[in-house]
Protein backbone atom coordinates (compact mmCIF):
# COMPACT_ATOMS: atom_id res chain seq x y z
CA MET A 1 1.12 -36.71 3.85
CA LYS A 2 -0.83 -33.49 3.47
CA VAL A 3 0.16 -31.24 0.57
CA ALA A 4 -0.18 -27.45 0.38
CA LEU A 5 0.67 -25.03 -2.41
CA LEU A 6 1.86 -21.43 -2.41
CA ASN A 7 1.38 -19.58 -5.69
CA HIS A 8 3.39 -16.60 -6.91
CA GLY A 9 3.12 -14.52 -10.03
CA CYS A 10 0.49 -13.98 -12.66
CA ALA A 11 -2.93 -15.45 -13.35
CA LYS A 12 -1.33 -17.92 -15.77
CA ASN A 13 0.76 -19.28 -12.89
CA LEU A 14 -2.39 -19.55 -10.78
CA VAL A 15 -4.00 -21.82 -13.36
CA ASP A 16 -0.86 -24.03 -13.39
CA SER A 17 -1.09 -24.27 -9.60
CA GLU A 18 -4.73 -25.31 -9.79
CA LEU A 19 -3.88 -27.92 -12.41
CA MET A 20 -1.20 -29.43 -10.16
CA LEU A 21 -3.67 -29.61 -7.30
CA GLY A 22 -6.15 -31.23 -9.69
CA LEU A 23 -3.60 -33.87 -10.66
CA LEU A 24 -2.95 -34.63 -6.99
CA ALA A 25 -6.64 -34.73 -6.09
CA GLN A 26 -7.29 -37.14 -8.97
CA LYS A 27 -4.77 -39.55 -7.43
CA GLY A 28 -6.24 -39.27 -3.94
CA HIS A 29 -3.64 -37.05 -2.29
CA GLU A 30 -4.80 -35.01 0.70
CA ILE A 31 -4.67 -31.28 -0.06
CA THR A 32 -4.88 -28.45 2.46
CA LEU A 33 -5.09 -24.69 1.94
CA ASP A 34 -3.18 -24.17 5.20
CA GLU A 35 0.56 -24.74 4.76
CA ASN A 36 0.90 -25.09 8.53
CA GLU A 37 -1.00 -28.40 8.31
CA ALA A 38 1.10 -29.76 5.46
CA GLN A 39 4.25 -31.87 5.44
CA ILE A 40 4.92 -31.15 1.76
CA VAL A 41 4.63 -27.65 0.29
CA ILE A 42 4.72 -26.82 -3.43
CA VAL A 43 5.99 -23.30 -4.13
CA ASN A 44 4.99 -22.30 -7.65
CA THR A 45 7.34 -19.47 -8.51
CA CYS A 46 7.57 -16.41 -10.72
CA SER A 47 10.76 -15.20 -12.38
CA PHE A 48 9.55 -12.43 -14.66
CA ILE A 49 11.38 -9.68 -12.79
CA HIS A 50 13.86 -9.56 -9.91
CA ASP A 51 11.29 -8.54 -7.28
CA ALA A 52 9.12 -11.54 -8.17
CA GLU A 53 12.12 -13.85 -7.85
CA LYS A 54 12.95 -12.42 -4.43
CA GLU A 55 9.40 -12.99 -3.20
CA SER A 56 9.44 -16.59 -4.43
CA VAL A 57 12.80 -17.32 -2.75
CA GLN A 58 11.52 -15.90 0.53
CA SER A 59 8.59 -18.34 0.47
CA ILE A 60 10.91 -21.27 -0.26
CA LEU A 61 13.22 -20.39 2.63
CA GLN A 62 10.33 -19.83 5.02
CA MET A 63 8.82 -23.23 4.30
CA ILE A 64 12.20 -24.97 4.68
CA ASN A 65 12.78 -23.17 7.99
CA GLU A 66 9.40 -24.45 9.16
CA GLY A 67 10.49 -28.01 8.49
CA LYS A 68 8.49 -28.63 5.30
CA LYS A 69 9.59 -30.75 2.37
CA VAL A 70 9.58 -28.15 -0.41
CA ILE A 71 8.97 -28.71 -4.12
CA VAL A 72 9.88 -25.70 -6.25
CA THR A 73 7.98 -25.40 -9.53
CA GLY A 74 7.51 -22.89 -12.32
CA CYS A 75 9.62 -20.14 -13.80
CA LEU A 76 12.35 -19.81 -11.15
CA PRO A 77 13.80 -23.34 -11.49
CA GLN A 78 13.35 -23.15 -15.27
CA LYS A 79 15.51 -20.03 -15.30
CA HIS A 80 17.98 -20.70 -12.48
CA LYS A 81 18.01 -24.44 -11.75
CA ALA A 82 21.76 -24.75 -11.10
CA GLU A 83 22.01 -21.55 -9.07
CA LEU A 84 18.86 -22.34 -7.11
CA LYS A 85 19.94 -25.86 -6.15
CA LYS A 86 23.35 -24.55 -5.07
CA ALA A 87 21.87 -21.67 -3.07
CA ILE A 88 19.12 -23.73 -1.41
CA PRO A 89 20.27 -27.37 -1.31
CA GLU A 90 17.49 -28.24 1.14
CA VAL A 91 14.79 -28.25 -1.57
CA ALA A 92 13.35 -31.72 -2.08
CA ALA A 93 12.53 -31.36 -5.78
CA MET A 94 12.27 -28.95 -8.69
CA LEU A 95 9.94 -29.01 -11.70
CA GLY A 96 10.11 -26.78 -14.78
CA THR A 97 7.30 -24.83 -16.42
CA SER A 98 6.30 -27.60 -18.83
CA ASP A 99 6.77 -30.46 -16.36
CA ILE A 100 3.81 -29.94 -14.01
CA SER A 101 2.30 -33.30 -15.02
CA GLU A 102 5.18 -34.93 -13.09
CA ILE A 103 3.94 -33.55 -9.77
CA VAL A 104 2.18 -36.78 -8.75
CA ASN A 105 5.29 -38.92 -9.30
CA VAL A 106 7.41 -36.40 -7.40
CA ILE A 107 5.01 -36.30 -4.44
CA ASN A 108 4.86 -40.09 -4.33
CA ARG A 109 8.64 -40.36 -4.20
CA ILE A 110 8.99 -37.66 -1.56
CA ALA A 111 6.25 -39.23 0.56
CA ASP A 112 8.33 -42.44 0.60
CA GLU A 113 10.22 -41.72 3.80
CA LYS A 114 12.78 -44.42 2.97
CA THR A 115 14.61 -42.01 0.71
CA ASP A 116 15.69 -38.36 0.82
CA GLU A 117 16.92 -38.20 -2.76
CA TYR A 118 16.70 -34.89 -4.58
CA ILE A 119 14.37 -34.99 -7.61
CA GLU A 120 14.66 -32.75 -10.64
CA LYS A 121 12.57 -32.66 -13.79
CA ILE A 122 13.23 -29.54 -15.85
CA SER A 123 12.93 -29.77 -19.61
CA GLU A 124 15.81 -28.04 -21.37
CA LYS A 125 13.43 -26.84 -24.07
CA PRO A 126 10.07 -26.17 -22.41
CA GLU A 127 7.01 -27.09 -24.44
CA TYR A 128 3.90 -26.45 -22.41
CA ILE A 129 0.97 -28.77 -23.10
CA TYR A 130 -2.22 -28.20 -21.12
CA PRO A 131 -3.27 -31.37 -19.24
CA GLU A 132 -6.81 -31.44 -20.60
CA GLU A 133 -7.92 -34.51 -18.67
CA ILE A 134 -7.54 -32.75 -15.31
CA GLU A 135 -10.19 -30.77 -13.49
CA ARG A 136 -8.60 -27.79 -11.79
CA GLN A 137 -8.83 -27.53 -8.00
CA GLN A 138 -9.43 -23.83 -7.67
CA ILE A 139 -7.53 -21.98 -4.98
CA THR A 140 -9.90 -19.03 -5.08
CA MET A 141 -13.57 -19.48 -5.79
CA GLY A 142 -15.95 -16.70 -6.66
CA ALA A 143 -17.95 -15.17 -9.43
CA SER A 144 -15.00 -15.05 -11.83
CA SER A 145 -12.40 -17.52 -12.99
CA TYR A 146 -9.36 -17.38 -15.24
CA LEU A 147 -9.35 -19.64 -18.28
CA LYS A 148 -6.02 -20.30 -19.98
CA ILE A 149 -6.48 -20.58 -23.74
CA ALA A 150 -2.79 -20.88 -24.72
CA ASP A 151 0.71 -20.78 -23.30
CA GLY A 152 4.16 -19.85 -24.51
CA CYS A 153 5.06 -16.97 -26.79
CA ASN A 154 6.50 -16.54 -30.29
CA TYR A 155 7.50 -12.93 -29.75
CA HIS A 156 10.91 -11.99 -28.41
CA CYS A 157 10.49 -8.59 -26.78
CA GLY A 158 13.76 -7.03 -25.70
CA TYR A 159 12.97 -7.00 -21.98
CA CYS A 160 11.20 -10.35 -21.68
CA ILE A 161 12.44 -13.85 -20.89
CA ILE A 162 9.05 -15.59 -21.14
CA PRO A 163 9.77 -17.43 -24.47
CA GLN A 164 12.81 -19.03 -22.82
CA LEU A 165 10.77 -20.03 -19.78
CA ARG A 166 7.56 -21.12 -21.48
CA GLY A 167 8.57 -22.15 -24.98
CA ALA A 168 6.74 -21.55 -28.24
CA TYR A 169 3.08 -20.62 -28.49
CA HIS A 170 0.67 -23.53 -27.93
CA SER A 171 -3.10 -23.05 -28.25
CA ARG A 172 -5.73 -25.31 -26.78
CA THR A 173 -8.58 -26.41 -29.03
CA ILE A 174 -11.86 -24.51 -29.02
CA GLU A 175 -13.62 -27.71 -27.97
CA ASN A 176 -11.44 -28.17 -24.88
CA ILE A 177 -11.73 -24.54 -23.83
CA VAL A 178 -15.52 -24.53 -24.18
CA GLN A 179 -15.74 -27.79 -22.23
CA GLU A 180 -13.75 -26.31 -19.34
CA ALA A 181 -15.81 -23.11 -19.45
CA LYS A 182 -19.02 -25.13 -19.08
CA LYS A 183 -17.58 -26.96 -16.07
CA LEU A 184 -16.69 -23.64 -14.46
CA VAL A 185 -20.21 -22.31 -15.03
CA LYS A 186 -21.66 -25.43 -13.38
CA LYS A 187 -19.55 -24.55 -10.31
CA GLY A 188 -21.19 -21.13 -10.14
CA VAL A 189 -18.76 -19.06 -12.19
CA THR A 190 -20.49 -16.31 -14.16
CA GLU A 191 -17.44 -14.40 -15.48
CA ILE A 192 -14.59 -15.99 -17.42
CA ASP A 193 -11.34 -14.09 -17.99
CA LEU A 194 -9.39 -15.39 -20.98
CA ILE A 195 -5.62 -15.47 -20.40
CA ALA A 196 -2.45 -16.43 -22.27
CA GLN A 197 0.91 -14.82 -22.81
CA ASP A 198 -0.84 -13.33 -25.85
CA THR A 199 -4.56 -14.00 -26.19
CA THR A 200 -4.97 -12.36 -29.60
CA SER A 201 -2.64 -14.88 -31.29
CA TYR A 202 -4.95 -17.67 -30.16
CA GLY A 203 -5.35 -20.49 -32.68
CA ILE A 204 -2.67 -19.44 -35.15
CA ASP A 205 -0.61 -22.57 -34.41
CA ILE A 206 -3.43 -25.13 -34.71
CA TYR A 207 -5.92 -23.47 -37.07
CA GLY A 208 -3.50 -21.60 -39.31
CA LYS A 209 -4.98 -18.21 -38.44
CA THR A 210 -5.90 -16.17 -35.39
CA SER A 211 -9.15 -17.61 -34.04
CA LEU A 212 -10.03 -15.66 -30.91
CA ALA A 213 -13.15 -14.27 -32.60
CA LYS A 214 -14.40 -17.81 -33.31
CA LEU A 215 -13.64 -18.87 -29.73
CA LEU A 216 -15.59 -15.88 -28.40
CA GLU A 217 -18.57 -16.86 -30.55
CA GLU A 218 -18.60 -20.38 -29.09
CA LEU A 219 -18.16 -19.21 -25.49
CA ASN A 220 -20.94 -16.67 -26.00
CA LYS A 221 -23.39 -19.57 -26.49
CA ILE A 222 -22.86 -21.01 -22.98
CA GLU A 223 -25.99 -20.80 -20.84
CA GLY A 224 -25.45 -19.37 -17.37
CA LEU A 225 -22.34 -17.45 -18.38
CA SER A 226 -22.72 -13.68 -18.02
CA TRP A 227 -19.37 -12.13 -18.88
CA ILE A 228 -16.33 -12.99 -21.01
CA ARG A 229 -13.26 -10.77 -20.60
CA ILE A 230 -10.12 -10.57 -22.78
CA MET A 231 -6.76 -10.13 -21.06
CA TYR A 232 -3.20 -9.78 -22.42
CA ALA A 233 -4.05 -8.71 -25.96
CA TYR A 234 -1.20 -8.01 -28.40
CA PRO A 235 -1.74 -4.78 -30.37
CA SER A 236 -0.84 -6.00 -33.85
CA GLN A 237 -3.33 -8.88 -33.69
CA LEU A 238 -6.41 -6.77 -33.01
CA ASN A 239 -7.89 -7.32 -36.47
CA ASP A 240 -11.30 -6.23 -37.75
CA GLU A 241 -12.83 -9.67 -37.24
CA LEU A 242 -11.91 -9.66 -33.55
CA ILE A 243 -13.02 -6.06 -33.03
CA HIS A 244 -16.37 -6.88 -34.64
CA ALA A 245 -16.81 -9.94 -32.39
CA ILE A 246 -16.11 -7.91 -29.24
CA ALA A 247 -18.59 -5.28 -30.36
CA LYS A 248 -21.47 -7.59 -31.31
CA LEU A 249 -21.31 -10.47 -28.79
CA ASP A 250 -23.48 -9.64 -25.79
CA LYS A 251 -21.51 -11.65 -23.19
CA VAL A 252 -18.12 -10.25 -24.21
CA VAL A 253 -17.60 -7.26 -21.92
CA LYS A 254 -16.43 -4.11 -23.66
CA TYR A 255 -13.02 -4.24 -22.03
CA ILE A 256 -9.63 -4.88 -23.59
CA ASP A 257 -6.37 -5.39 -21.72
CA LEU A 258 -3.83 -4.08 -24.24
CA PRO A 259 -0.26 -3.65 -22.93
CA LEU A 260 1.38 -1.15 -25.32
CA GLN A 261 4.67 -0.76 -23.34
CA HIS A 262 5.59 2.62 -24.91
CA SER A 263 4.56 5.19 -27.51
CA ASP A 264 7.88 6.40 -28.91
CA ALA A 265 8.79 4.62 -32.17
CA GLN A 266 12.53 4.34 -31.39
CA ILE A 267 11.89 2.84 -27.96
CA LEU A 268 9.31 0.44 -29.37
CA GLU A 269 11.82 -0.67 -32.00
CA ALA A 270 14.48 -1.16 -29.32
CA MET A 271 11.95 -3.19 -27.33
CA ARG A 272 11.23 -5.32 -30.43
CA ARG A 273 7.58 -4.34 -30.19
CA PRO A 274 5.18 -3.50 -33.04
CA VAL A 275 5.84 -0.01 -34.36
CA PHE A 276 2.77 1.78 -35.70
CA ASP A 277 0.48 4.62 -34.69
CA TYR A 278 -1.17 3.40 -31.48
CA GLU A 279 -3.39 6.48 -31.41
CA VAL A 280 -5.09 5.27 -34.59
CA LEU A 281 -5.69 1.84 -33.02
CA ILE A 282 -7.14 3.27 -29.80
CA ASN A 283 -9.45 5.63 -31.68
CA LYS A 284 -10.60 2.73 -33.89
CA LEU A 285 -11.42 0.59 -30.86
CA ARG A 286 -13.39 3.42 -29.28
CA ASP A 287 -15.24 4.05 -32.53
CA LYS A 288 -16.10 0.42 -33.31
CA ILE A 289 -16.81 -0.68 -29.70
CA PRO A 290 -18.90 2.04 -28.05
CA GLY A 291 -18.16 2.40 -24.34
CA VAL A 292 -15.07 0.19 -24.48
CA ALA A 293 -12.78 0.35 -21.45
CA ILE A 294 -9.11 0.03 -22.36
CA ARG A 295 -6.45 -1.06 -19.89
CA THR A 296 -2.84 -0.69 -20.90
CA ALA A 297 0.63 -0.93 -19.38
CA PHE A 298 3.87 0.93 -20.00
CA ILE A 299 7.54 0.46 -19.15
CA VAL A 300 9.55 3.52 -18.13
CA GLY A 301 13.32 3.69 -18.04
CA TYR A 302 14.04 1.24 -20.85
CA PRO A 303 17.74 1.45 -21.83
CA GLY A 304 18.34 4.56 -23.88
CA GLU A 305 15.03 6.24 -23.00
CA THR A 306 15.70 9.97 -23.13
CA ASP A 307 13.81 12.74 -21.36
CA GLU A 308 12.22 13.61 -24.70
CA GLN A 309 11.08 10.02 -25.30
CA PHE A 310 9.56 9.84 -21.83
CA GLU A 311 7.76 13.12 -22.50
CA HIS A 312 6.40 11.58 -25.70
CA LEU A 313 4.94 8.78 -23.60
CA TYR A 314 3.61 11.23 -21.00
CA ASN A 315 1.89 13.34 -23.65
CA PHE A 316 0.48 10.22 -25.30
CA VAL A 317 -1.09 9.06 -22.02
CA GLU A 318 -2.42 12.56 -21.35
CA LYS A 319 -4.05 12.65 -24.77
CA MET A 320 -5.44 9.10 -24.90
CA ARG A 321 -6.90 9.10 -21.35
CA PHE A 322 -6.85 5.35 -20.78
CA ASP A 323 -9.51 3.91 -18.48
CA ARG A 324 -6.98 1.76 -16.66
CA MET A 325 -3.19 1.80 -16.74
CA GLY A 326 -0.24 0.09 -15.07
CA VAL A 327 3.33 1.41 -15.10
CA PHE A 328 6.47 -0.64 -14.54
CA GLU A 329 10.02 0.49 -14.00
CA TYR A 330 12.28 -1.37 -16.42
CA SER A 331 13.81 -4.43 -14.77
CA ARG A 332 17.17 -5.55 -16.14
CA GLU A 333 16.98 -9.31 -16.62
CA LYS A 334 19.79 -11.62 -17.75
CA ASN A 335 19.42 -13.41 -21.09
CA THR A 336 17.33 -10.62 -22.57
CA VAL A 337 18.33 -8.36 -25.43
CA SER A 338 18.14 -5.29 -23.23
CA TYR A 339 20.45 -6.65 -20.52
CA ASP A 340 23.64 -5.75 -22.38
CA MET A 341 22.35 -2.55 -23.92
CA SER A 342 24.27 0.61 -23.23
CA ASN A 343 22.67 3.68 -21.73
CA GLN A 344 20.99 1.93 -18.83
CA VAL A 345 18.73 4.47 -17.14
CA PRO A 346 19.61 5.22 -13.49
CA LYS A 347 17.26 3.77 -10.89
CA LYS A 348 16.40 7.20 -9.51
CA VAL A 349 15.40 8.47 -12.96
CA LYS A 350 13.24 5.40 -13.60
CA HIS A 351 11.44 5.91 -10.31
CA GLU A 352 10.81 9.60 -10.93
CA ARG A 353 9.32 8.82 -14.35
CA TYR A 354 7.18 6.11 -12.77
CA LYS A 355 5.80 8.52 -10.18
CA LYS A 356 5.14 11.24 -12.75
CA LEU A 357 3.24 8.93 -15.10
CA MET A 358 1.22 7.34 -12.30
CA ALA A 359 0.29 10.76 -10.91
CA LEU A 360 -1.04 11.70 -14.35
CA GLN A 361 -3.05 8.49 -14.59
CA GLN A 362 -4.46 8.99 -11.10
CA LYS A 363 -5.77 12.40 -12.19
CA ILE A 364 -7.23 10.95 -15.40
CA SER A 365 -8.80 8.03 -13.54
CA LEU A 366 -10.48 10.37 -11.06
CA GLU A 367 -11.92 12.51 -13.85
CA LEU A 368 -13.21 9.48 -15.75
CA ASN A 369 -14.74 8.00 -12.61
CA GLN A 370 -16.41 11.28 -11.63
CA ALA A 371 -17.99 11.42 -15.08
CA LYS A 372 -19.82 8.18 -14.20
CA VAL A 373 -21.69 9.77 -11.28
CA GLY A 374 -25.41 9.72 -12.03
CA LYS A 375 -25.10 6.91 -14.56
CA GLU A 376 -26.23 3.28 -14.32
CA ILE A 377 -23.48 0.72 -14.89
CA PRO A 378 -23.73 -3.11 -15.01
CA CYS A 379 -21.68 -4.64 -12.20
CA ILE A 380 -21.00 -8.17 -10.98
CA VAL A 381 -21.36 -9.09 -7.29
CA GLU A 382 -18.06 -10.20 -5.71
CA GLY A 383 -18.95 -10.42 -2.02
CA PHE A 384 -19.72 -8.31 1.04
CA THR A 385 -17.86 -6.13 3.52
CA ASP A 386 -18.10 -6.89 7.24
CA ASP A 387 -20.77 -4.21 7.62
CA GLY A 388 -22.88 -5.54 4.74
CA VAL A 389 -21.89 -3.29 1.85
CA ILE A 390 -21.93 -5.18 -1.47
CA ILE A 391 -18.54 -5.49 -3.19
CA MET A 392 -18.90 -5.39 -6.98
CA ARG A 393 -16.93 -4.81 -10.17
CA SER A 394 -18.11 -2.94 -13.22
CA TYR A 395 -17.59 -4.31 -16.71
CA ALA A 396 -14.60 -1.92 -16.88
CA ASP A 397 -12.84 -3.59 -13.94
CA ALA A 398 -10.91 -6.85 -14.22
CA PRO A 399 -10.47 -9.01 -11.10
CA GLU A 400 -7.56 -8.24 -8.78
CA ILE A 401 -6.01 -5.43 -10.84
CA ASP A 402 -8.74 -2.81 -11.31
CA GLY A 403 -11.06 -0.88 -9.00
CA LEU A 404 -14.22 -1.94 -7.18
CA VAL A 405 -17.78 -0.73 -6.88
CA TYR A 406 -19.29 -0.53 -3.39
CA ALA A 407 -23.06 -0.62 -3.45
CA LYS A 408 -26.17 -0.74 -1.29
CA SER A 409 -29.29 -2.69 -2.16
CA ASP A 410 -32.88 -2.87 -0.97
CA GLY A 411 -33.04 -6.55 -1.87
CA PRO A 412 -30.84 -9.66 -1.57
CA VAL A 413 -28.05 -10.40 -4.03
CA VAL A 414 -25.61 -13.30 -4.38
CA PRO A 415 -22.05 -13.46 -5.75
CA GLY A 416 -22.10 -13.80 -9.50
CA ASP A 417 -25.24 -11.75 -10.04
CA VAL A 418 -24.95 -8.93 -12.58
CA GLU A 419 -26.93 -5.86 -11.50
CA ASN A 420 -27.21 -2.25 -12.63
CA VAL A 421 -25.71 0.20 -10.15
CA LEU A 422 -26.54 3.91 -10.01
CA ILE A 423 -23.21 5.60 -9.30
CA GLU A 424 -23.49 8.26 -6.56
CA ARG A 425 -19.84 8.96 -5.74
CA ALA A 426 -16.35 8.29 -7.12
CA ASP A 427 -12.72 8.43 -6.08
CA GLU A 428 -9.53 7.80 -8.08
CA TYR A 429 -10.10 4.07 -8.47
CA ASP A 430 -13.41 3.00 -6.88
CA LEU A 431 -17.09 3.81 -7.37
CA PHE A 432 -19.94 3.99 -4.84
CA GLY A 433 -23.65 3.66 -5.46
CA LYS A 434 -26.84 1.64 -5.12
CA ILE A 435 -28.39 -1.24 -7.04
CA VAL A 436 -31.41 -0.15 -9.06
């Protein structure tokens, strides 16, 4: 039987999907990227917020309606196994977040047409262990690739259910990460994006201290690798050693993804987030890492957020002028601290605050982009438009979430090349220029 996979959610989920496909490929199963060709479809789900759950459920139902045998994996069954099985009894199997290594056994049993038994393997206490012996079968191939350095989380933020879905923090060894990075480079990858629930806590569980700086030093030695990018950094773990490593290592792009979530001390405390002066941290990063691009994310409408507290956040964003920023309306999720909090903010108010903050960031982003006109910026080649324009990303743009650079060139280029681009024009999110 042919097997296909539909992935939902974050980059960390994508890596899990690629690992499952790797496990199946290792055992000789036939994999297709077209679910229409498949008899068995794996739907790897997200359950971080309600909208993500809804999207995952829609995929499950669609595949069942098309006559596929559906295996549901990931966060949704980990969170809602009883409710999900009751609501959609047609699913053939369910696997939890730390049970992906069981996918081969599950497929083998489902492929045995002598039985239609339902299969469930969902660990009550998830403990994610990266299957190091497996070579990922990448769903998307290009110049960049995600590299998961850890999973799980030891923090218990008031709005987040991830620790319950993924378990405690588990780092991979430096040796294993470097080995995988080298394999990716041999496949043509020139940019590696480091991901985890919290990248800056890397190594604390196996080395007794945060070790992201050491990992960066080892990755920086890999021949053929051009860029290393840090995603999902936790603000309190950005120590001097790490800042120094980012500043000095030539392959580490001067870009930090640093979700701050809010600026008001009372809201941060209610969120169970670190409470200190974020302005000091941002100014330090900009001072110690010249040219650093900072991406952040904020939640508006957290329970109890007053107009004054939102204005504090608005003024903070206006003052700090972040290079990149995402805004999320608070999503009320069961089994989180914030679910039962009083003073839930009305949906309409949350949406108005979202629009106001995003409008501010759009203005800031346009001004920052326009300031780049006339400057040369290193960019990585992603691909080409139908009419031959080169699609690129600057060092300040992470894959999938940030803007693009559209460039012309007098000579040939190939995906993965890093070239300097003279910026000639800018809009709110994208840049336009020519390779020099």
